């Protein structure tokens, strides 16, 4: 990643833009789809929605603000002020947009509504999580647990939502809870897709009798480096050099063409990898 690109990714303009668009999409999903169908979203907004359905007090947006207060205190203590302010912006915007939106997306079928709601919510949440902040609420706790104890964000959400939906079963119709669970599952998949949209790389291993020639062509034509790994064949005990190349999806076919143009008998192994940090790739995210 170049210095110019890195500076742009850490700029206020870029982060505020991601948060604004992401929270608007989430607010539309919550107000125009979830509430008309009485869906229970995951996380703290789900808790706020459940309280609203059962008590009729305030509304989910205001409940969400109240539930966020202790989370932001934890974020201030354990993460950073920058993370706190960006997350506070996201929380404020989603609550504001939620109050301003006055239309409904007409979807009669409950299952279809759950699928659309989950896709919209996940896309918006993923955009916010690509910034240096979060959506507030459970995101704050998940980031803290991940940074301090290496507990996966997905595991935090899974455990919390299991408890939330267990409570929902005692208060709401079973079909409604199941539809909400489907929506949350789709949401999690959409979040992962948005987060990996520009980050996913391919890890390739190339076993060939002409490793140096392939490496030279890769560096010349693709302008990327290769790593030479010493290896020994198990059958003939012959020493070999295995090339390791990290590449993006667009360049993969060009790499394949280079390899088999040089050595038609090469072994070309490709694996998906989500996070590649350092060198000319992404930098470690610092909140």
Protein backbone atom coordinates (compact mmCIF):
# COMPACT_ATOMS: atom_id res chain seq x y z
CA UNK A 1 0.00 0.00 0.00
CA UNK A 2 1.44 3.36 -1.04
CA UNK A 3 1.79 6.21 1.42
CA UNK A 4 -0.79 8.25 -0.50
CA UNK A 5 -3.35 5.42 -0.37
CA UNK A 6 -2.63 4.78 3.30
CA UNK A 7 -3.12 8.46 4.12
CA UNK A 8 -6.43 8.49 2.24
CA UNK A 9 -7.70 5.38 4.06
CA UNK A 10 -6.90 7.05 7.40
CA UNK A 11 -8.39 10.41 6.36
CA UNK A 12 -11.41 11.91 8.09
CA UNK A 13 -13.19 12.36 4.74
CA UNK A 14 -12.94 8.67 3.81
CA UNK A 15 -13.94 7.36 7.23
CA UNK A 16 -16.85 9.76 7.68
CA UNK A 17 -18.04 8.93 4.17
CA UNK A 18 -18.04 5.19 4.86
CA UNK A 19 -19.84 5.70 8.17
CA UNK A 20 -22.49 8.02 6.67
CA UNK A 21 -23.39 5.76 3.76
CA UNK A 22 -23.19 2.59 5.87
CA UNK A 23 -25.42 3.90 8.66
CA UNK A 24 -27.97 5.22 6.13
CA UNK A 25 -28.26 1.76 4.55
CA UNK A 26 -28.64 0.17 7.98
CA UNK A 27 -31.28 2.68 9.06
CA UNK A 28 -33.31 2.00 5.90
CA UNK A 29 -33.12 -1.73 6.56
CA UNK A 30 -34.17 -1.34 10.18
CA UNK A 31 -36.94 1.24 9.77
CA UNK A 32 -38.43 0.26 6.42
CA UNK A 33 -38.16 -3.54 6.65
CA UNK A 34 -37.38 -4.81 10.16
CA UNK A 35 -39.90 -2.78 12.16
CA UNK A 36 -42.91 -3.38 9.84
CA UNK A 37 -42.24 -7.12 10.06
CA UNK A 38 -41.34 -7.02 13.79
CA UNK A 39 -37.96 -8.64 13.14
CA UNK A 40 -35.46 -8.81 15.98
CA UNK A 41 -32.03 -7.68 14.67
CA UNK A 42 -28.91 -9.05 16.31
CA UNK A 43 -26.75 -7.12 18.77
CA UNK A 44 -27.83 -4.24 20.98
CA UNK A 45 -30.30 -2.91 18.40
CA UNK A 46 -31.99 -6.29 18.71
CA UNK A 47 -32.21 -5.81 22.47
CA UNK A 48 -33.70 -2.36 21.91
CA UNK A 49 -36.19 -3.76 19.39
CA UNK A 50 -37.22 -6.54 21.79
CA UNK A 51 -37.75 -4.02 24.60
CA UNK A 52 -39.82 -1.86 22.25
CA UNK A 53 -42.02 -4.77 21.14
CA UNK A 54 -42.65 -5.84 24.73
CA UNK A 55 -43.09 -2.46 26.45
CA UNK A 56 -44.06 0.03 23.75
CA UNK A 57 -41.76 2.61 25.41
CA UNK A 58 -39.63 5.03 23.39
CA UNK A 59 -38.49 3.33 20.16
CA UNK A 60 -35.61 0.99 19.20
CA UNK A 61 -33.41 3.91 18.13
CA UNK A 62 -33.61 5.59 21.55
CA UNK A 63 -33.19 2.30 23.39
CA UNK A 64 -30.09 1.73 21.25
CA UNK A 65 -28.57 5.05 22.37
CA UNK A 66 -29.15 4.26 26.06
CA UNK A 67 -27.67 0.75 25.75
CA UNK A 68 -24.61 2.18 23.98
CA UNK A 69 -23.53 4.48 26.80
CA UNK A 70 -21.65 1.81 28.84
CA UNK A 71 -20.14 0.42 25.64
CA UNK A 72 -18.63 3.76 24.71
CA UNK A 73 -17.13 4.14 28.16
CA UNK A 74 -15.39 0.79 27.62
CA UNK A 75 -14.29 1.87 24.14
CA UNK A 76 -12.76 5.07 25.55
CA UNK A 77 -10.84 3.12 28.19
CA UNK A 78 -9.63 0.12 26.20
CA UNK A 79 -9.31 1.18 22.54
CA UNK A 80 -8.75 4.80 21.48
CA UNK A 81 -10.38 8.20 21.31
CA UNK A 82 -10.41 8.09 17.51
CA UNK A 83 -12.28 4.79 17.54
CA UNK A 84 -14.67 6.22 20.11
CA UNK A 85 -15.48 9.35 18.10
CA UNK A 86 -15.98 7.50 14.83
CA UNK A 87 -18.18 4.95 16.59
CA UNK A 88 -20.12 7.75 18.30
CA UNK A 89 -20.65 9.33 14.87
CA UNK A 90 -21.99 6.02 13.53
CA UNK A 91 -24.32 5.60 16.51
CA UNK A 92 -25.59 9.17 16.22
CA UNK A 93 -26.14 8.96 12.47
CA UNK A 94 -27.98 5.65 12.54
CA UNK A 95 -30.26 6.98 15.28
CA UNK A 96 -30.82 10.22 13.32
CA UNK A 97 -31.50 8.46 10.03
CA UNK A 98 -33.80 6.05 11.85
CA UNK A 99 -35.89 8.98 13.10
CA UNK A 100 -35.97 10.71 9.70
CA UNK A 101 -36.92 7.73 7.54
CA UNK A 102 -40.68 7.57 7.12
CA UNK A 103 -41.22 5.07 4.31
CA UNK A 104 -41.58 1.30 4.13
CA UNK A 105 -40.26 -1.15 1.57
CA UNK A 106 -43.29 -3.21 0.70
CA UNK A 107 -42.35 -6.90 0.92
CA UNK A 108 -45.27 -9.17 1.75
CA UNK A 109 -43.46 -12.49 2.19
CA UNK A 110 -41.77 -12.78 5.58
CA UNK A 111 -38.90 -14.92 4.28
CA UNK A 112 -38.16 -12.54 1.40
CA UNK A 113 -38.26 -9.63 3.81
CA UNK A 114 -35.80 -11.40 6.13
CA UNK A 115 -33.38 -12.02 3.26
CA UNK A 116 -33.52 -8.44 1.98
CA UNK A 117 -33.27 -7.02 5.50
CA UNK A 118 -30.21 -9.15 6.30
CA UNK A 119 -28.47 -8.22 3.04
CA UNK A 120 -29.09 -4.48 3.51
CA UNK A 121 -28.11 -4.50 7.18
CA UNK A 122 -24.94 -6.51 6.55
CA UNK A 123 -23.85 -4.33 3.63
CA UNK A 124 -24.26 -1.18 5.71
CA UNK A 125 -22.56 -2.66 8.77
CA UNK A 126 -19.66 -3.91 6.66
CA UNK A 127 -19.11 -0.44 5.20
CA UNK A 128 -18.93 1.07 8.68
CA UNK A 129 -16.53 -1.64 9.89
CA UNK A 130 -14.19 -0.81 6.99
CA UNK A 131 -13.69 2.57 8.66
CA UNK A 132 -11.61 3.24 11.78
CA UNK A 133 -14.74 3.08 13.90
CA UNK A 134 -17.61 0.69 14.41
CA UNK A 135 -21.38 0.58 14.52
CA UNK A 136 -21.26 1.01 18.28
CA UNK A 137 -23.07 -1.38 20.56
CA UNK A 138 -21.79 -4.93 20.43
CA UNK A 139 -19.09 -3.97 17.91
CA UNK A 140 -17.23 -2.15 20.70
CA UNK A 141 -17.22 -5.18 22.99
CA UNK A 142 -16.27 -7.47 20.10
CA UNK A 143 -13.28 -5.29 19.09
CA UNK A 144 -12.08 -5.09 22.71
CA UNK A 145 -12.29 -8.86 23.21
CA UNK A 146 -10.56 -9.47 19.88
CA UNK A 147 -7.68 -7.09 20.62
CA UNK A 148 -7.18 -8.12 24.24
CA UNK A 149 -7.92 -11.85 24.18
CA UNK A 150 -7.94 -12.77 20.46
CA UNK A 151 -11.58 -13.85 20.66
CA UNK A 152 -13.11 -13.77 17.19
CA UNK A 153 -15.68 -11.06 16.48
CA UNK A 154 -17.98 -13.69 14.96
CA UNK A 155 -17.89 -15.77 18.15
CA UNK A 156 -18.92 -12.78 20.26
CA UNK A 157 -21.88 -12.10 17.99
CA UNK A 158 -22.83 -15.78 17.84
CA UNK A 159 -22.93 -16.23 21.63
CA UNK A 160 -24.75 -12.93 22.22
CA UNK A 161 -27.35 -13.59 19.53
CA UNK A 162 -27.98 -17.13 20.77
CA UNK A 163 -28.93 -15.66 24.16
CA UNK A 164 -30.98 -12.88 22.53
CA UNK A 165 -32.99 -15.21 20.31
CA UNK A 166 -33.52 -17.65 23.18
CA UNK A 167 -35.17 -14.81 25.10
CA UNK A 168 -37.11 -13.83 21.98
CA UNK A 169 -38.61 -17.32 21.74
CA UNK A 170 -40.26 -16.78 25.12
CA UNK A 171 -41.73 -13.44 24.04
CA UNK A 172 -42.44 -13.66 20.30
CA UNK A 173 -43.90 -16.09 17.77
CA UNK A 174 -41.59 -18.91 16.75
CA UNK A 175 -41.90 -18.16 13.01
CA UNK A 176 -40.92 -14.54 13.63
CA UNK A 177 -37.86 -15.54 15.64
CA UNK A 178 -36.78 -18.02 12.96
CA UNK A 179 -37.16 -15.33 10.28
CA UNK A 180 -35.06 -12.99 12.44
CA UNK A 181 -32.38 -15.66 12.79
CA UNK A 182 -32.30 -16.08 9.00
CA UNK A 183 -31.90 -12.31 8.62
CA UNK A 184 -29.01 -12.23 11.11
CA UNK A 185 -27.28 -15.12 9.32
CA UNK A 186 -27.58 -13.34 5.95
CA UNK A 187 -26.35 -10.16 7.64
CA UNK A 188 -23.20 -11.88 8.91
CA UNK A 189 -22.45 -13.25 5.44
CA UNK A 190 -22.97 -9.82 3.88
CA UNK A 191 -20.63 -8.22 6.44
CA UNK A 192 -17.90 -10.75 5.64
CA UNK A 193 -18.37 -10.18 1.91
CA UNK A 194 -18.11 -6.40 2.19
CA UNK A 195 -15.05 -6.63 4.45
CA UNK A 196 -13.28 -9.00 2.06
CA UNK A 197 -14.42 -7.26 -1.14
CA UNK A 198 -11.08 -5.50 -1.74
CA UNK A 199 -8.90 -7.45 0.70
CA UNK A 200 -9.08 -11.04 -0.49
CA UNK A 201 -5.88 -12.36 -2.00
CA UNK A 202 -4.71 -15.60 -3.55
CA UNK A 203 -1.77 -17.49 -2.05
CA UNK A 204 -0.07 -19.52 -4.77
CA UNK A 205 2.61 -22.19 -4.58
CA UNK A 206 4.50 -23.08 -7.76
CA UNK A 207 6.59 -26.25 -8.04
CA UNK A 208 8.70 -26.16 -11.19
CA UNK A 209 12.06 -27.14 -12.64
CA UNK A 210 12.52 -23.51 -13.73
CA UNK A 211 11.77 -21.45 -10.60
CA UNK A 212 14.22 -18.63 -11.30
CA UNK A 213 12.91 -18.05 -14.83
CA UNK A 214 9.32 -17.94 -13.56
CA UNK A 215 10.29 -15.58 -10.72
CA UNK A 216 12.04 -13.22 -13.15
CA UNK A 217 9.02 -13.09 -15.47
CA UNK A 218 6.63 -12.53 -12.55
CA UNK A 219 8.71 -9.61 -11.30
CA UNK A 220 9.08 -8.19 -14.82
CA UNK A 221 5.50 -8.53 -16.07
CA UNK A 222 3.43 -8.34 -12.86
CA UNK A 223 5.76 -6.07 -10.85
CA UNK A 224 5.39 -8.24 -7.73
CA UNK A 225 7.95 -10.19 -5.74
CA UNK A 226 8.17 -13.91 -5.12
CA UNK A 227 9.50 -15.93 -2.22
CA UNK A 228 11.66 -18.99 -2.87
CA UNK A 229 11.14 -21.80 -0.40
CA UNK A 230 13.61 -24.72 -0.22
CA UNK A 231 11.93 -28.13 -0.46
CA UNK A 232 12.80 -31.80 -0.93
CA UNK A 233 10.76 -34.24 -3.03
CA UNK A 234 9.66 -37.22 -0.90
CA UNK A 235 10.09 -39.79 -3.69
CA UNK A 236 13.45 -38.99 -5.27
CA UNK A 237 14.77 -36.93 -2.34
CA UNK A 238 15.67 -34.27 -4.88
CA UNK A 239 16.03 -30.69 -3.70
CA UNK A 240 13.58 -28.25 -5.22
CA UNK A 241 12.65 -24.60 -4.97
CA UNK A 242 8.98 -23.78 -4.42
CA UNK A 243 7.82 -20.31 -5.36
CA UNK A 244 5.30 -18.59 -3.08
CA UNK A 245 3.39 -15.66 -4.57
CA UNK A 246 0.63 -13.58 -2.99
CA UNK A 247 -1.55 -12.04 -5.66
CA UNK A 248 -4.99 -10.52 -6.22
CA UNK A 249 -7.85 -12.10 -8.17
CA UNK A 250 -7.32 -9.95 -11.25
CA UNK A 251 -3.65 -10.92 -11.65
CA UNK A 252 -4.19 -14.63 -10.98
CA UNK A 253 -4.83 -15.67 -14.60
CA UNK A 254 -1.82 -13.68 -15.79
CA UNK A 255 0.34 -15.49 -13.22
CA UNK A 256 -1.03 -18.83 -14.37
CA UNK A 257 -0.21 -17.97 -17.98
CA UNK A 258 3.35 -16.99 -17.08
CA UNK A 259 3.93 -20.22 -15.12
CA UNK A 260 2.70 -22.62 -17.80
CA UNK A 261 4.32 -20.66 -20.62
CA UNK A 262 7.68 -21.19 -18.93
CA UNK A 263 7.05 -24.74 -17.67
CA UNK A 264 4.13 -26.72 -19.02
CA UNK A 265 4.71 -29.40 -16.36
CA UNK A 266 4.69 -27.08 -13.35
CA UNK A 267 2.45 -27.68 -10.36
CA UNK A 268 0.29 -24.60 -9.67
CA UNK A 269 -1.52 -24.49 -6.29
CA UNK A 270 -3.94 -21.70 -5.36
CA UNK A 271 -5.47 -20.99 -1.95
CA UNK A 272 -7.82 -18.25 -0.81
CA UNK A 273 -6.51 -16.00 1.93
CA UNK A 274 -8.46 -13.21 3.59
CA UNK A 275 -5.94 -11.07 5.43
CA UNK A 276 -2.53 -10.11 4.03
CA UNK A 277 -0.73 -7.42 5.98
CA UNK A 278 2.57 -5.67 5.39
CA UNK A 279 4.90 -5.07 2.45
CA UNK A 280 2.97 -3.57 -0.50
CA UNK A 281 -0.35 -4.98 0.72
CA UNK A 282 -2.69 -3.70 3.41
CA UNK A 283 -1.31 -2.19 6.60
CA UNK A 284 -2.39 -3.38 10.01
CA UNK A 285 -5.51 -1.51 11.06
CA UNK A 286 -4.73 0.80 13.97
CA UNK A 287 -7.73 2.25 15.77
